[in-house]
C-alpha atoms as a PDB file:
ATOM      1  CA  MET A   1     -39.744 -60.123 -26.694  1.00  0.00           C
ATOM      2  CA  ILE A   2     -37.077 -57.451 -26.197  1.00  0.00           C
ATOM      3  CA  GLN A   3     -39.102 -54.561 -27.638  1.00  0.00           C
ATOM      4  CA  PRO A   4     -41.573 -54.257 -24.678  1.00  0.00           C
ATOM      5  CA  PHE A   5     -38.675 -54.059 -22.215  1.00  0.00           C
ATOM      6  CA  VAL A   6     -36.987 -51.361 -24.299  1.00  0.00           C
ATOM      7  CA  GLN A   7     -40.191 -49.321 -24.395  1.00  0.00           C
ATOM      8  CA  LEU A   8     -40.636 -49.754 -20.637  1.00  0.00           C
ATOM      9  CA  ALA A   9     -37.070 -48.550 -19.978  1.00  0.00           C
ATOM     10  CA  LEU A  10     -37.582 -45.492 -22.149  1.00  0.00           C
ATOM     11  CA  LEU A  11     -40.805 -44.593 -20.346  1.00  0.00           C
ATOM     12  CA  ALA A  12     -39.139 -44.971 -16.924  1.00  0.00           C
ATOM     13  CA  THR A  13     -36.248 -42.768 -17.983  1.00  0.00           C
ATOM     14  CA  ALA A  14     -38.579 -40.046 -19.223  1.00  0.00           C
ATOM     15  CA  HIS A  15     -40.580 -40.185 -15.985  1.00  0.00           C
ATOM     16  CA  LEU A  16     -37.462 -39.837 -13.844  1.00  0.00           C
ATOM     17  CA  ALA A  17     -36.288 -36.892 -15.925  1.00  0.00           C
ATOM     18  CA  GLU A  18     -39.598 -35.101 -15.400  1.00  0.00           C
ATOM     19  CA  ALA A  19     -39.598 -35.860 -11.680  1.00  0.00           C
ATOM     20  CA  ALA A  20     -35.986 -34.821 -11.097  1.00  0.00           C
ATOM     21  CA  PRO A  21     -35.739 -31.541  -9.095  1.00  0.00           C
ATOM     22  CA  THR A  22     -34.621 -28.449 -10.906  1.00  0.00           C
ATOM     23  CA  PRO A  23     -30.953 -27.871 -10.002  1.00  0.00           C
ATOM     24  CA  GLU A  24     -30.298 -24.934  -7.731  1.00  0.00           C
ATOM     25  CA  PRO A  25     -28.545 -21.985  -9.415  1.00  0.00           C
ATOM     26  CA  SER A  26     -24.806 -22.167  -9.025  1.00  0.00           C
ATOM     27  CA  PHE A  27     -23.130 -19.605  -6.788  1.00  0.00           C
ATOM     28  CA  ALA A  28     -19.730 -20.217  -8.330  1.00  0.00           C
ATOM     29  CA  THR A  29     -19.837 -16.745  -9.859  1.00  0.00           C
ATOM     30  CA  ALA A  30     -20.585 -15.019  -6.524  1.00  0.00           C
ATOM     31  CA  PRO A  31     -16.890 -14.490  -5.631  1.00  0.00           C
ATOM     32  CA  LEU A  32     -16.359 -12.912  -9.043  1.00  0.00           C
ATOM     33  CA  ALA A  33     -19.208 -10.475  -8.412  1.00  0.00           C
ATOM     34  CA  GLN A  34     -17.801  -9.661  -4.982  1.00  0.00           C
ATOM     35  CA  ASP A  35     -14.351  -9.040  -6.465  1.00  0.00           C
ATOM     36  CA  ALA A  36     -15.844  -6.696  -9.063  1.00  0.00           C
ATOM     37  CA  ALA A  37     -17.724  -4.771  -6.378  1.00  0.00           C
ATOM     38  CA  ALA A  38     -14.587  -4.509  -4.272  1.00  0.00           C
ATOM     39  CA  ALA A  39     -12.621  -3.250  -7.267  1.00  0.00           C
ATOM     40  CA  ALA A  40     -15.222  -0.551  -7.889  1.00  0.00           C
ATOM     41  CA  ALA A  41     -15.328   0.601  -4.241  1.00  0.00           C
ATOM     42  CA  PRO A  42     -13.552   3.919  -3.539  1.00  0.00           C
ATOM     43  CA  GLU A  43     -10.088   3.611  -2.006  1.00  0.00           C
ATOM     44  CA  TRP A  44      -7.693   5.993  -0.289  1.00  0.00           C
ATOM     45  CA  THR A  45      -4.969   7.358  -2.564  1.00  0.00           C
ATOM     46  CA  GLY A  46      -1.982   9.534  -1.698  1.00  0.00           C
ATOM     47  CA  ASN A  47       1.694   9.461  -0.801  1.00  0.00           C
ATOM     48  CA  ILE A  48       4.121   9.379   2.126  1.00  0.00           C
ATOM     49  CA  SER A  49       7.581  10.951   1.932  1.00  0.00           C
ATOM     50  CA  ALA A  50      10.569  11.650   4.180  1.00  0.00           C
ATOM     51  CA  GLY A  51      13.940  13.376   3.887  1.00  0.00           C
ATOM     52  CA  PHE A  52      17.066  13.760   6.018  1.00  0.00           C
ATOM     53  CA  VAL A  53      20.256  15.859   5.777  1.00  0.00           C
ATOM     54  CA  MET A  54      23.256  15.728   8.145  1.00  0.00           C
ATOM     55  CA  THR A  55      26.705  17.327   8.200  1.00  0.00           C
ATOM     56  CA  ASP A  56      29.666  16.560  10.464  1.00  0.00           C
ATOM     57  CA  GLY A  57      33.056  18.227  10.904  1.00  0.00           C
ATOM     58  CA  ASN A  58      33.606  21.970  11.161  1.00  0.00           C
ATOM     59  CA  SER A  59      29.841  22.408  11.387  1.00  0.00           C
ATOM     60  CA  GLU A  60      27.337  19.864  12.600  1.00  0.00           C
ATOM     61  CA  MET A  61      23.772  20.039  11.334  1.00  0.00           C
ATOM     62  CA  ARG A  62      20.765  17.725  11.279  1.00  0.00           C
ATOM     63  CA  GLN A  63      17.599  18.341   9.275  1.00  0.00           C
ATOM     64  CA  ALA A  64      14.597  16.078   8.741  1.00  0.00           C
ATOM     65  CA  ASN A  65      11.162  16.346   7.192  1.00  0.00           C
ATOM     66  CA  ALA A  66       8.192  14.083   6.621  1.00  0.00           C
ATOM     67  CA  SER A  67       4.835  14.537   4.952  1.00  0.00           C
ATOM     68  CA  ALA A  68       1.750  12.535   4.073  1.00  0.00           C
ATOM     69  CA  ASP A  69      -1.322  13.271   1.970  1.00  0.00           C
ATOM     70  CA  ALA A  70      -4.367  11.073   1.432  1.00  0.00           C
ATOM     71  CA  THR A  71      -7.693  11.471  -0.376  1.00  0.00           C
ATOM     72  CA  LEU A  72     -10.837   9.346  -0.501  1.00  0.00           C
ATOM     73  CA  LYS A  73     -13.204  10.308  -3.334  1.00  0.00           C
ATOM     74  CA  ARG A  74     -16.721   8.985  -3.592  1.00  0.00           C
ATOM     75  CA  GLU A  75     -19.632   9.789  -5.864  1.00  0.00           C
ATOM     76  CA  LYS A  76     -20.964  12.696  -3.794  1.00  0.00           C
ATOM     77  CA  ASP A  77     -18.234  13.537  -1.300  1.00  0.00           C
ATOM     78  CA  ALA A  78     -14.519  13.413  -0.546  1.00  0.00           C
ATOM     79  CA  PHE A  79     -12.193  13.281   2.464  1.00  0.00           C
ATOM     80  CA  THR A  80      -8.715  14.870   2.426  1.00  0.00           C
ATOM     81  CA  LEU A  81      -5.992  14.472   5.068  1.00  0.00           C
ATOM     82  CA  GLY A  82      -2.577  16.145   5.194  1.00  0.00           C
ATOM     83  CA  PHE A  83       0.458  16.139   7.494  1.00  0.00           C
ATOM     84  CA  LEU A  84       3.808  17.967   7.492  1.00  0.00           C
ATOM     85  CA  TRP A  85       6.713  17.769   9.952  1.00  0.00           C
ATOM     86  CA  VAL A  86       9.995  19.716   9.782  1.00  0.00           C
ATOM     87  CA  TYR A  87      12.891  19.624  12.252  1.00  0.00           C
ATOM     88  CA  ALA A  88      16.382  21.151  12.230  1.00  0.00           C
ATOM     89  CA  GLU A  89      19.185  21.716  14.723  1.00  0.00           C
ATOM     90  CA  ASN A  90      22.875  22.563  14.558  1.00  0.00           C
ATOM     91  CA  ASN A  91      25.990  22.478  16.687  1.00  0.00           C
ATOM     92  CA  ASN A  92      28.716  24.876  15.573  1.00  0.00           C
ATOM     93  CA  ALA A  93      30.895  24.374  18.648  1.00  0.00           C
ATOM     94  CA  PRO A  94      32.148  20.842  19.408  1.00  0.00           C
ATOM     95  CA  ASN A  95      31.181  19.270  22.721  1.00  0.00           C
ATOM     96  CA  THR A  96      28.265  21.643  23.276  1.00  0.00           C
ATOM     97  CA  ASP A  97      24.526  21.161  23.242  1.00  0.00           C
ATOM     98  CA  TRP A  98      22.634  21.130  19.978  1.00  0.00           C
ATOM     99  CA  THR A  99      20.628  24.274  19.160  1.00  0.00           C
ATOM    100  CA  LEU A 100      17.125  23.981  17.759  1.00  0.00           C
ATOM    101  CA  THR A 101      16.785  26.088  14.598  1.00  0.00           C
ATOM    102  CA  ASP A 102      13.447  24.940  13.144  1.00  0.00           C
ATOM    103  CA  ARG A 103      10.483  22.813  14.118  1.00  0.00           C
ATOM    104  CA  LYS A 104       7.052  22.732  12.531  1.00  0.00           C
ATOM    105  CA  THR A 105       4.164  20.281  12.727  1.00  0.00           C
ATOM    106  CA  PHE A 106       1.051  20.796  10.645  1.00  0.00           C
ATOM    107  CA  GLY A 107      -2.044  18.642  10.182  1.00  0.00           C
ATOM    108  CA  ARG A 108      -5.291  19.163   8.314  1.00  0.00           C
ATOM    109  CA  GLY A 109      -8.562  17.367   7.665  1.00  0.00           C
ATOM    110  CA  LYS A 110     -11.194  18.390   5.110  1.00  0.00           C
ATOM    111  CA  TYR A 111     -14.579  17.094   3.996  1.00  0.00           C
ATOM    112  CA  ASP A 112     -16.284  18.063   0.716  1.00  0.00           C
ATOM    113  CA  TYR A 113     -19.917  17.358  -0.175  1.00  0.00           C
ATOM    114  CA  PHE A 114     -20.995  17.922  -3.792  1.00  0.00           C
ATOM    115  CA  PHE A 115     -24.534  19.297  -3.960  1.00  0.00           C
ATOM    116  CA  ALA A 116     -24.042  20.035  -7.684  1.00  0.00           C
ATOM    117  CA  GLU A 117     -21.857  18.494 -10.363  1.00  0.00           C
ATOM    118  CA  LYS A 118     -18.888  20.801  -9.725  1.00  0.00           C
ATOM    119  CA  THR A 119     -19.959  22.819  -6.665  1.00  0.00           C
ATOM    120  CA  TYR A 120     -19.528  21.616  -3.104  1.00  0.00           C
ATOM    121  CA  ALA A 121     -19.740  22.590   0.544  1.00  0.00           C
ATOM    122  CA  TYR A 122     -16.706  21.948   2.731  1.00  0.00           C
ATOM    123  CA  GLY A 123     -15.687  21.719   6.360  1.00  0.00           C
ATOM    124  CA  LEU A 124     -12.050  22.176   7.370  1.00  0.00           C
ATOM    125  CA  ALA A 125      -9.919  21.846  10.501  1.00  0.00           C
ATOM    126  CA  THR A 126      -6.165  22.403  10.921  1.00  0.00           C
ATOM    127  CA  ALA A 127      -3.665  22.407  13.785  1.00  0.00           C
ATOM    128  CA  GLU A 128      -0.008  23.430  13.847  1.00  0.00           C
ATOM    129  CA  ASN A 129       2.955  24.597  15.868  1.00  0.00           C
ATOM    130  CA  ASP A 130       5.806  26.628  14.389  1.00  0.00           C
ATOM    131  CA  TYR A 131       9.151  27.424  16.011  1.00  0.00           C
ATOM    132  CA  LEU A 132      10.063  30.167  13.518  1.00  0.00           C
ATOM    133  CA  GLN A 133       6.785  32.030  14.116  1.00  0.00           C
ATOM    134  CA  SER A 134       6.864  31.434  17.919  1.00  0.00           C
ATOM    135  CA  ILE A 135       3.549  29.542  17.711  1.00  0.00           C
ATOM    136  CA  GLY A 136       2.863  27.031  20.433  1.00  0.00           C
ATOM    137  CA  LEU A 137      -0.446  25.963  18.921  1.00  0.00           C
ATOM    138  CA  ARG A 138      -2.634  27.405  16.198  1.00  0.00           C
ATOM    139  CA  TRP A 139      -5.879  25.697  15.278  1.00  0.00           C
ATOM    140  CA  THR A 140      -8.393  26.602  12.620  1.00  0.00           C
ATOM    141  CA  ALA A 141     -11.971  25.514  11.973  1.00  0.00           C
ATOM    142  CA  GLY A 142     -13.968  26.710   8.995  1.00  0.00           C
ATOM    143  CA  ALA A 143     -16.658  26.010   6.425  1.00  0.00           C
ATOM    144  CA  GLY A 144     -17.681  27.362   3.047  1.00  0.00           C
ATOM    145  CA  VAL A 145     -18.310  26.510  -0.596  1.00  0.00           C
ATOM    146  CA  GLY A 146     -16.031  25.592  -3.487  1.00  0.00           C
ATOM    147  CA  HIS A 147     -16.228  25.125  -7.232  1.00  0.00           C
ATOM    148  CA  GLN A 148     -14.159  22.910  -9.534  1.00  0.00           C
ATOM    149  CA  TYR A 149     -13.402  24.858 -12.698  1.00  0.00           C
ATOM    150  CA  LEU A 150     -11.158  22.141 -14.129  1.00  0.00           C
ATOM    151  CA  ASP A 151     -11.231  18.412 -13.421  1.00  0.00           C
ATOM    152  CA  THR A 152      -9.365  16.501 -16.134  1.00  0.00           C
ATOM    153  CA  ASP A 153      -6.559  13.949 -16.133  1.00  0.00           C
ATOM    154  CA  ALA A 154      -4.050  16.723 -16.874  1.00  0.00           C
ATOM    155  CA  TRP A 155      -5.439  19.721 -14.938  1.00  0.00           C
ATOM    156  CA  LYS A 156      -7.455  20.256 -11.770  1.00  0.00           C
ATOM    157  CA  PHE A 157      -8.340  23.693 -10.436  1.00  0.00           C
ATOM    158  CA  ALA A 158     -10.761  24.644  -7.644  1.00  0.00           C
ATOM    159  CA  VAL A 159     -11.581  27.869  -5.796  1.00  0.00           C
ATOM    160  CA  GLU A 160     -13.033  28.015  -2.266  1.00  0.00           C
ATOM    161  CA  ALA A 161     -14.455  30.774  -0.070  1.00  0.00           C
ATOM    162  CA  GLY A 162     -15.892  30.721   3.433  1.00  0.00           C
ATOM    163  CA  LEU A 163     -15.464  31.687   7.063  1.00  0.00           C
ATOM    164  CA  ALA A 164     -12.902  30.381   9.554  1.00  0.00           C
ATOM    165  CA  TYR A 165     -12.076  30.800  13.219  1.00  0.00           C
ATOM    166  CA  ILE A 166      -8.379  30.922  14.128  1.00  0.00           C
ATOM    167  CA  ASP A 167      -7.042  30.573  17.669  1.00  0.00           C
ATOM    168  CA  THR A 168      -3.297  31.096  18.200  1.00  0.00           C
ATOM    169  CA  ASP A 169      -1.245  30.491  21.343  1.00  0.00           C
ATOM    170  CA  TYR A 170       2.092  32.293  21.014  1.00  0.00           C
ATOM    171  CA  LYS A 171       5.191  31.455  23.018  1.00  0.00           C
ATOM    172  CA  THR A 172       6.530  35.018  23.280  1.00  0.00           C
ATOM    173  CA  ALA A 173       3.470  37.217  22.655  1.00  0.00           C
ATOM    174  CA  PRO A 174      -0.150  37.545  23.798  1.00  0.00           C
ATOM    175  CA  ASP A 175      -2.510  34.908  22.427  1.00  0.00           C
ATOM    176  CA  SER A 176      -5.043  35.855  19.760  1.00  0.00           C
ATOM    177  CA  ASP A 177      -8.273  34.592  18.238  1.00  0.00           C
ATOM    178  CA  ASP A 178      -9.998  35.881  15.115  1.00  0.00           C
ATOM    179  CA  TRP A 179     -12.958  35.301  12.858  1.00  0.00           C
ATOM    180  CA  THR A 180     -11.623  35.451   9.312  1.00  0.00           C
ATOM    181  CA  ILE A 181     -12.673  35.128   5.712  1.00  0.00           C
ATOM    182  CA  ARG A 182     -11.012  32.172   4.012  1.00  0.00           C
ATOM    183  CA  GLY A 183     -10.062  32.194   0.342  1.00  0.00           C
ATOM    184  CA  SER A 184      -8.249  29.299  -1.280  1.00  0.00           C
ATOM    185  CA  THR A 185      -7.139  27.893  -4.624  1.00  0.00           C
ATOM    186  CA  ASN A 186      -6.127  24.285  -5.275  1.00  0.00           C
ATOM    187  CA  THR A 187      -4.280  23.494  -8.498  1.00  0.00           C
ATOM    188  CA  SER A 188      -2.681  20.299  -9.791  1.00  0.00           C
ATOM    189  CA  HIS A 189      -1.111  19.420 -13.121  1.00  0.00           C
ATOM    190  CA  THR A 190       0.139  16.101 -14.474  1.00  0.00           C
ATOM    191  CA  ALA A 191       2.736  17.188 -17.034  1.00  0.00           C
ATOM    192  CA  SER A 192       3.880  13.720 -18.097  1.00  0.00           C
ATOM    193  CA  ASP A 193       4.189  10.144 -16.907  1.00  0.00           C
ATOM    194  CA  THR A 194       7.137  11.336 -14.795  1.00  0.00           C
ATOM    195  CA  TRP A 195       6.312  14.851 -13.569  1.00  0.00           C
ATOM    196  CA  SER A 196       3.352  16.213 -11.614  1.00  0.00           C
ATOM    197  CA  PHE A 197       2.814  19.488  -9.767  1.00  0.00           C
ATOM    198  CA  SER A 198       0.368  20.783  -7.166  1.00  0.00           C
ATOM    199  CA  HIS A 199      -0.195  24.088  -5.393  1.00  0.00           C
ATOM    200  CA  ILE A 200      -2.426  25.004  -2.437  1.00  0.00           C
ATOM    201  CA  LEU A 201      -2.857  28.683  -1.570  1.00  0.00           C
ATOM    202  CA  GLU A 202      -4.855  29.856   1.465  1.00  0.00           C
ATOM    203  CA  ILE A 203      -5.406  33.379   2.797  1.00  0.00           C
ATOM    204  CA  TYR A 204      -7.225  34.368   6.001  1.00  0.00           C
ATOM    205  CA  PRO A 205      -7.948  38.116   6.371  1.00  0.00           C
ATOM    206  CA  SER A 206      -9.504  38.946   9.740  1.00  0.00           C
ATOM    207  CA  VAL A 207     -13.028  40.390   9.849  1.00  0.00           C
ATOM    208  CA  GLU A 208     -12.259  41.913  13.276  1.00  0.00           C
ATOM    209  CA  GLU A 209      -8.806  43.452  12.787  1.00  0.00           C
ATOM    210  CA  GLY A 210      -8.127  44.699   9.280  1.00  0.00           C
ATOM    211  CA  GLU A 211      -4.351  44.354   9.591  1.00  0.00           C
ATOM    212  CA  ASP A 212      -4.421  40.723  10.708  1.00  0.00           C
ATOM    213  CA  VAL A 213      -3.869  38.553   7.650  1.00  0.00           C
ATOM    214  CA  TYR A 214      -2.532  34.994   7.716  1.00  0.00           C
ATOM    215  CA  GLY A 215      -1.589  33.043   4.600  1.00  0.00           C
ATOM    216  CA  ARG A 216      -0.071  29.746   3.577  1.00  0.00           C
ATOM    217  CA  SER A 217       1.235  28.384   0.278  1.00  0.00           C
ATOM    218  CA  GLN A 218       2.573  24.923  -0.575  1.00  0.00           C
ATOM    219  CA  LEU A 219       4.027  24.141  -3.994  1.00  0.00           C
ATOM    220  CA  THR A 220       4.931  20.491  -4.647  1.00  0.00           C
ATOM    221  CA  ALA A 221       6.810  18.942  -7.575  1.00  0.00           C
ATOM    222  CA  ASP A 222       6.914  15.147  -7.768  1.00  0.00           C
ATOM    223  CA  ALA A 223       9.124  13.054 -10.072  1.00  0.00           C
ATOM    224  CA  LYS A 224       8.138   9.426 -10.524  1.00  0.00           C
ATOM    225  CA  LEU A 225      11.130   7.106 -10.003  1.00  0.00           C
ATOM    226  CA  SER A 226       9.296   3.781 -10.297  1.00  0.00           C
ATOM    227  CA  GLU A 227       5.761   2.457 -10.179  1.00  0.00           C
ATOM    228  CA  ASN A 228       5.294   3.569  -6.562  1.00  0.00           C
ATOM    229  CA  MET A 229       8.454   5.496  -5.673  1.00  0.00           C
ATOM    230  CA  LEU A 230       8.874   9.245  -6.175  1.00  0.00           C
ATOM    231  CA  ALA A 231      11.205  12.142  -5.451  1.00  0.00           C
ATOM    232  CA  SER A 232       9.465  15.201  -4.039  1.00  0.00           C
ATOM    233  CA  PHE A 233      10.317  18.892  -3.695  1.00  0.00           C
ATOM    234  CA  LYS A 234       8.157  21.164  -1.504  1.00  0.00           C
ATOM    235  CA  TRP A 235       8.250  24.919  -1.108  1.00  0.00           C
ATOM    236  CA  VAL A 236       6.225  25.885   1.973  1.00  0.00           C
ATOM    237  CA  LEU A 237       5.579  29.583   2.605  1.00  0.00           C
ATOM    238  CA  ASP A 238       3.941  30.940   5.770  1.00  0.00           C
ATOM    239  CA  TYR A 239       2.816  34.574   5.944  1.00  0.00           C
ATOM    240  CA  ASP A 240       1.704  36.639   8.935  1.00  0.00           C
ATOM    241  CA  ASN A 241       1.046  40.347   8.370  1.00  0.00           C
ATOM    242  CA  THR A 242       1.291  41.086  12.108  1.00  0.00           C
ATOM    243  CA  PRO A 243       4.037  38.738  13.342  1.00  0.00           C
ATOM    244  CA  VAL A 244       5.454  38.485  16.832  1.00  0.00           C
ATOM    245  CA  PRO A 245       7.718  41.517  17.446  1.00  0.00           C
ATOM    246  CA  GLY A 246      11.166  40.789  16.084  1.00  0.00           C
ATOM    247  CA  ASN A 247       9.959  38.192  13.561  1.00  0.00           C
ATOM    248  CA  ASP A 248       9.690  38.549   9.795  1.00  0.00           C
ATOM    249  CA  ARG A 249       6.330  38.336   8.031  1.00  0.00           C
ATOM    250  CA  VAL A 250       7.403  35.537   5.693  1.00  0.00           C
ATOM    251  CA  ASP A 251       9.011  32.155   6.371  1.00  0.00           C
ATOM    252  CA  ASN A 252      10.111  29.905   3.508  1.00  0.00           C
ATOM    253  CA  ARG A 253      11.002  26.225   3.746  1.00  0.00           C
ATOM    254  CA  TYR A 254      12.453  24.157   0.882  1.00  0.00           C
ATOM    255  CA  LEU A 255      12.158  20.423   1.427  1.00  0.00           C
ATOM    256  CA  LEU A 256      13.540  17.462  -0.537  1.00  0.00           C
ATOM    257  CA  SER A 257      12.346  13.939   0.160  1.00  0.00           C
ATOM    258  CA  ILE A 258      11.779  10.439  -1.205  1.00  0.00           C
ATOM    259  CA  GLY A 259       8.306   8.993  -1.045  1.00  0.00           C
ATOM    260  CA  TRP A 260       5.903   6.211  -1.949  1.00  0.00           C
ATOM    261  CA  LYS A 261       2.522   6.426  -3.631  1.00  0.00           C
ATOM    262  CA  PHE A 262      -0.458   4.293  -2.641  1.00  0.00           C
END
């Protein structure tokens, strides 16, 4: 008597299993896929640093500097941003006004597009003012090509060449504007887990006035203090072959600062 009911129950169970809808695929892994994609997406990298020196007593002096550099690298192109600010003043006579001795602000933006594995086209724009060189505003716009000769974890070295237009508003001399040739080298070296070095050299000889040559060099040495904290030394050299009358051709600045990597 029981056997027919058992057979009937088994048949009903099999029928329900066949009729049951196929379960929808689970999307529980979707957040994991999104996290992986986000991790693989290019991000800005760089550092921000600042330094300050002050004396008080027989001589009063205040000096400050700040800088920031950032790079976004993608498969076919890259963006580079840079900023530098320097300020100094002193007061050698008590109860008198402070005297400005140095002030410089410099900013740059650059875009690289790789049309070959190691060769790229670039566009560049810079703007600056410089108290030591009597520059109210100098801006530069240029374009050209570059080639990466080295691109390893330890060494990076690239050479660039192109044309640039430079417009300079002087405070104590007639303004000038020039079409120039631009030549540049960009070198960086990671010596150890603690030390890294970089050097940017740019030279702008005029194609209109043979004597007009402008150049800039920045050598940076960074020492890693912690995972994100670093001590930085910068040597910034500015060169003008035809300076404002009374000024030297070369200005050197030596800057110490503490910074953070991101």
